[in-house]
Amino acid sequence: MPMSDLRHPSRDALLRDALGQLREQRGVSVEKFARTLNAIAHATCPAKTADLPCLDSFTTIDEQYDHAVMSWNKRVQRWATGAVEFPAWLEEPWATALEELGDEETRIALARRHGFMGVRRPAVGDAPACAFAALGSVGRETGDVMGIVSEMLQDGVLDERDRKYGEQALTDIDDAVAALMSMRALIEQNVMRKKPDLKAVSQ
């Protein structure tokens, strides 16, 4: 069963909203995001970014560099406000830049739009704080499952009368499974020293 976040009319609207949330909740400026996006876009999509300024290629801060920064920032600002439509190739660099700056939800939401389950792939040598964050996510998501399923089982029966809770219950269960898979991958990579076997799960 395909999943989607109905608050967002399109994938690029979801990506723009995620940047807005990052700015509001973590104080990340558009300029900082733009710089992160520039490096990732050039590293992952060299053919698509050949005609775009590469800020990391400048060795000195001069007028030419300032012009390149200003030009790139304006371009990102237009994408961020929706004044210019997102090119399809930009979605992956944009989502990765969001993650590097603290976003944890957007890739999962994007995966759901394709009917898959998004799972966070741990970085090599994840710090203890990341492990505790992953454990916290497991506790939070499984707690949500317990809460809504308990509500559904108040009368001791799981039936058509619980339909109003159904979609949210399935979403909460998917979130819990994704959190558990992320913790599993973290243990595989940092304890068992093996490559995590992460797979997108078709719904």
Protein backbone atom coordinates (compact mmCIF):
# COMPACT_ATOMS: atom_id res chain seq x y z
CA MET A 1 0.00 0.00 0.00
CA PRO A 2 1.66 3.28 -1.07
CA MET A 3 2.14 5.88 1.61
CA SER A 4 2.34 9.65 1.32
CA ASP A 5 2.26 12.78 3.40
CA LEU A 6 -0.93 14.47 2.28
CA ARG A 7 0.10 17.82 3.72
CA HIS A 8 2.45 18.30 0.77
CA PRO A 9 1.10 18.55 -2.78
CA SER A 10 4.43 17.54 -4.34
CA ARG A 11 7.87 16.16 -3.56
CA ASP A 12 9.56 19.53 -4.04
CA ALA A 13 7.04 21.13 -1.68
CA LEU A 14 8.01 18.54 0.92
CA LEU A 15 11.70 19.34 0.42
CA ARG A 16 11.09 23.08 0.69
CA ASP A 17 9.02 22.58 3.83
CA ALA A 18 11.79 20.46 5.36
CA LEU A 19 14.26 23.32 4.89
CA GLY A 20 11.78 25.69 6.50
CA GLN A 21 11.49 23.35 9.48
CA LEU A 22 15.27 23.11 9.73
CA ARG A 23 15.58 26.89 9.75
CA GLU A 24 12.85 27.28 12.35
CA GLN A 25 13.83 24.46 14.69
CA ARG A 26 17.64 24.48 14.39
CA GLY A 27 18.35 28.01 13.23
CA VAL A 28 20.02 26.86 10.01
CA SER A 29 20.35 29.76 7.58
CA VAL A 30 19.61 29.46 3.88
CA GLU A 31 23.24 30.49 3.27
CA LYS A 32 24.58 27.60 5.36
CA PHE A 33 22.24 25.16 3.67
CA ALA A 34 23.20 26.54 0.25
CA ARG A 35 26.91 25.98 0.96
CA THR A 36 26.28 22.41 2.11
CA LEU A 37 24.06 21.73 -0.90
CA ASN A 38 26.66 23.14 -3.28
CA ALA A 39 29.35 20.73 -2.10
CA ILE A 40 27.04 17.71 -2.17
CA ALA A 41 25.53 18.55 -5.56
CA HIS A 42 28.95 18.90 -7.20
CA ALA A 43 30.21 15.70 -5.56
CA THR A 44 27.20 13.56 -6.49
CA CYS A 45 25.93 15.11 -9.74
CA PRO A 46 28.99 16.44 -11.60
CA ALA A 47 27.33 16.26 -15.03
CA LYS A 48 24.32 18.27 -13.88
CA THR A 49 26.37 20.89 -12.01
CA ALA A 50 29.05 21.47 -14.63
CA ASP A 51 27.68 24.95 -15.43
CA LEU A 52 26.99 25.88 -11.79
CA PRO A 53 29.54 27.57 -9.49
CA CYS A 54 31.56 25.17 -7.34
CA LEU A 55 32.33 27.09 -4.16
CA ASP A 56 34.90 24.56 -2.93
CA SER A 57 36.98 25.10 -6.07
CA PHE A 58 37.92 28.66 -5.05
CA THR A 59 41.28 28.99 -3.32
CA THR A 60 40.96 32.68 -2.45
CA ILE A 61 38.11 34.85 -1.24
CA ASP A 62 37.89 37.60 -3.79
CA GLU A 63 35.31 39.42 -5.88
CA GLN A 64 34.83 36.44 -8.16
CA TYR A 65 34.20 34.18 -5.18
CA ASP A 66 31.74 36.64 -3.64
CA HIS A 67 29.87 36.79 -6.94
CA ALA A 68 29.71 32.98 -7.13
CA VAL A 69 28.39 32.75 -3.56
CA MET A 70 25.77 35.41 -4.18
CA SER A 71 24.69 33.77 -7.44
CA TRP A 72 24.38 30.34 -5.85
CA ASN A 73 22.56 31.65 -2.78
CA LYS A 74 20.01 33.42 -4.98
CA ARG A 75 19.47 30.24 -6.97
CA VAL A 76 18.90 28.20 -3.80
CA GLN A 77 16.60 30.90 -2.43
CA ARG A 78 14.46 30.67 -5.59
CA TRP A 79 14.25 26.89 -5.21
CA ALA A 80 13.47 27.23 -1.51
CA THR A 81 10.59 29.66 -2.08
CA GLY A 82 9.16 27.74 -5.02
CA ALA A 83 9.79 30.61 -7.43
CA VAL A 84 11.67 28.12 -9.63
CA GLU A 85 10.69 24.46 -10.02
CA PHE A 86 13.04 21.85 -8.57
CA PRO A 87 15.03 19.93 -11.19
CA ALA A 88 14.61 16.19 -10.55
CA TRP A 89 18.35 15.59 -10.11
CA LEU A 90 18.45 18.06 -7.20
CA GLU A 91 16.17 16.05 -4.91
CA GLU A 92 18.85 13.61 -3.70
CA PRO A 93 21.52 16.29 -2.99
CA TRP A 94 18.87 18.45 -1.28
CA ALA A 95 17.72 15.58 0.96
CA THR A 96 21.34 14.69 1.79
CA ALA A 97 22.14 18.31 2.66
CA LEU A 98 19.10 18.41 4.95
CA GLU A 99 20.36 15.25 6.69
CA GLU A 100 23.85 16.65 7.16
CA LEU A 101 22.33 19.64 8.93
CA GLY A 102 20.14 17.59 11.27
CA ASP A 103 17.00 16.55 9.40
CA GLU A 104 15.85 12.98 10.13
CA GLU A 105 12.39 12.79 8.58
CA THR A 106 12.50 13.97 4.97
CA ARG A 107 14.11 10.94 3.35
CA ILE A 108 11.58 8.70 5.07
CA ALA A 109 8.71 10.86 3.81
CA LEU A 110 10.14 10.83 0.28
CA ALA A 111 10.53 7.05 0.37
CA ARG A 112 6.90 6.69 1.38
CA ARG A 113 5.82 8.63 -1.69
CA HIS A 114 7.26 5.76 -3.74
CA GLY A 115 5.69 3.09 -1.53
CA PHE A 116 8.90 2.22 0.33
CA MET A 117 10.07 2.42 3.91
CA GLY A 118 12.93 4.82 4.54
CA VAL A 119 15.65 3.70 6.93
CA ARG A 120 18.54 5.84 8.19
CA ARG A 121 21.92 4.42 7.17
CA PRO A 122 24.42 4.96 10.00
CA ALA A 123 27.73 6.68 9.36
CA VAL A 124 30.92 4.74 10.03
CA GLY A 125 31.98 5.21 13.64
CA ASP A 126 28.72 6.85 14.71
CA ALA A 127 29.26 8.64 18.02
CA PRO A 128 27.61 7.34 21.22
CA ALA A 129 25.17 10.24 20.99
CA CYS A 130 23.92 8.81 17.68
CA ALA A 131 23.39 5.40 19.28
CA PHE A 132 21.38 6.93 22.11
CA ALA A 133 19.39 8.96 19.58
CA ALA A 134 18.64 5.76 17.64
CA LEU A 135 17.56 4.02 20.84
CA GLY A 136 15.39 7.00 21.73
CA SER A 137 13.78 6.78 18.31
CA VAL A 138 12.98 3.10 18.86
CA GLY A 139 11.39 3.90 22.21
CA ARG A 140 9.41 6.82 20.84
CA GLU A 141 8.10 5.03 17.77
CA THR A 142 7.20 1.79 19.57
CA GLY A 143 5.53 3.89 22.25
CA ASP A 144 3.36 5.50 19.58
CA VAL A 145 2.37 2.04 18.34
CA MET A 146 1.45 0.91 21.84
CA GLY A 147 -0.61 4.06 22.36
CA ILE A 148 -2.73 3.88 19.23
CA VAL A 149 -3.19 0.09 19.26
CA SER A 150 -4.24 0.27 22.91
CA GLU A 151 -6.85 2.83 21.87
CA MET A 152 -8.07 0.47 19.16
CA LEU A 153 -8.29 -2.43 21.62
CA GLN A 154 -10.22 -0.59 24.33
CA ASP A 155 -13.29 -2.70 23.60
CA GLY A 156 -11.21 -5.88 23.32
CA VAL A 157 -11.88 -6.28 19.60
CA LEU A 158 -10.00 -5.18 16.49
CA ASP A 159 -12.59 -4.63 13.78
CA GLU A 160 -14.17 -2.19 11.29
CA ARG A 161 -15.09 0.18 14.09
CA ASP A 162 -11.38 0.94 14.49
CA ARG A 163 -11.02 2.12 10.89
CA LYS A 164 -10.59 5.76 11.96
CA TYR A 165 -7.33 4.75 13.66
CA GLY A 166 -6.14 2.44 10.89
CA GLU A 167 -4.02 4.72 8.70
CA GLN A 168 -2.24 6.31 11.67
CA ALA A 169 -1.64 2.89 13.24
CA LEU A 170 -0.03 1.60 10.05
CA THR A 171 2.13 4.72 9.78
CA ASP A 172 3.25 4.37 13.41
CA ILE A 173 4.08 0.69 12.87
CA ASP A 174 6.12 1.53 9.76
CA ASP A 175 8.00 4.21 11.74
CA ALA A 176 8.75 1.69 14.49
CA VAL A 177 10.03 -0.90 12.00
CA ALA A 178 12.24 1.73 10.34
CA ALA A 179 13.64 2.78 13.73
CA LEU A 180 14.42 -0.84 14.64
CA MET A 181 16.10 -1.43 11.28
CA SER A 182 18.24 1.67 11.81
CA MET A 183 19.31 0.41 15.24
CA ARG A 184 20.06 -2.99 13.74
CA ALA A 185 22.25 -1.37 11.06
CA LEU A 186 24.04 0.69 13.70
CA ILE A 187 24.90 -2.45 15.68
CA GLU A 188 25.93 -4.37 12.57
CA GLN A 189 28.30 -1.65 11.44
CA ASN A 190 29.79 -0.52 14.74
CA VAL A 191 29.71 -3.71 16.83
CA MET A 192 29.74 -6.61 14.38
CA ARG A 193 31.92 -4.65 11.92
CA LYS A 194 29.90 -5.70 8.92
CA LYS A 195 28.16 -3.72 6.22
CA PRO A 196 24.52 -3.08 7.17
CA ASP A 197 22.07 -5.01 5.02
CA LEU A 198 19.59 -2.16 4.63
CA LYS A 199 16.80 -2.67 2.15
CA ALA A 200 13.82 -0.57 1.17
CA VAL A 201 10.70 -2.49 2.10
CA SER A 202 7.93 -2.40 -0.49
CA GLN A 203 4.51 -1.65 0.91
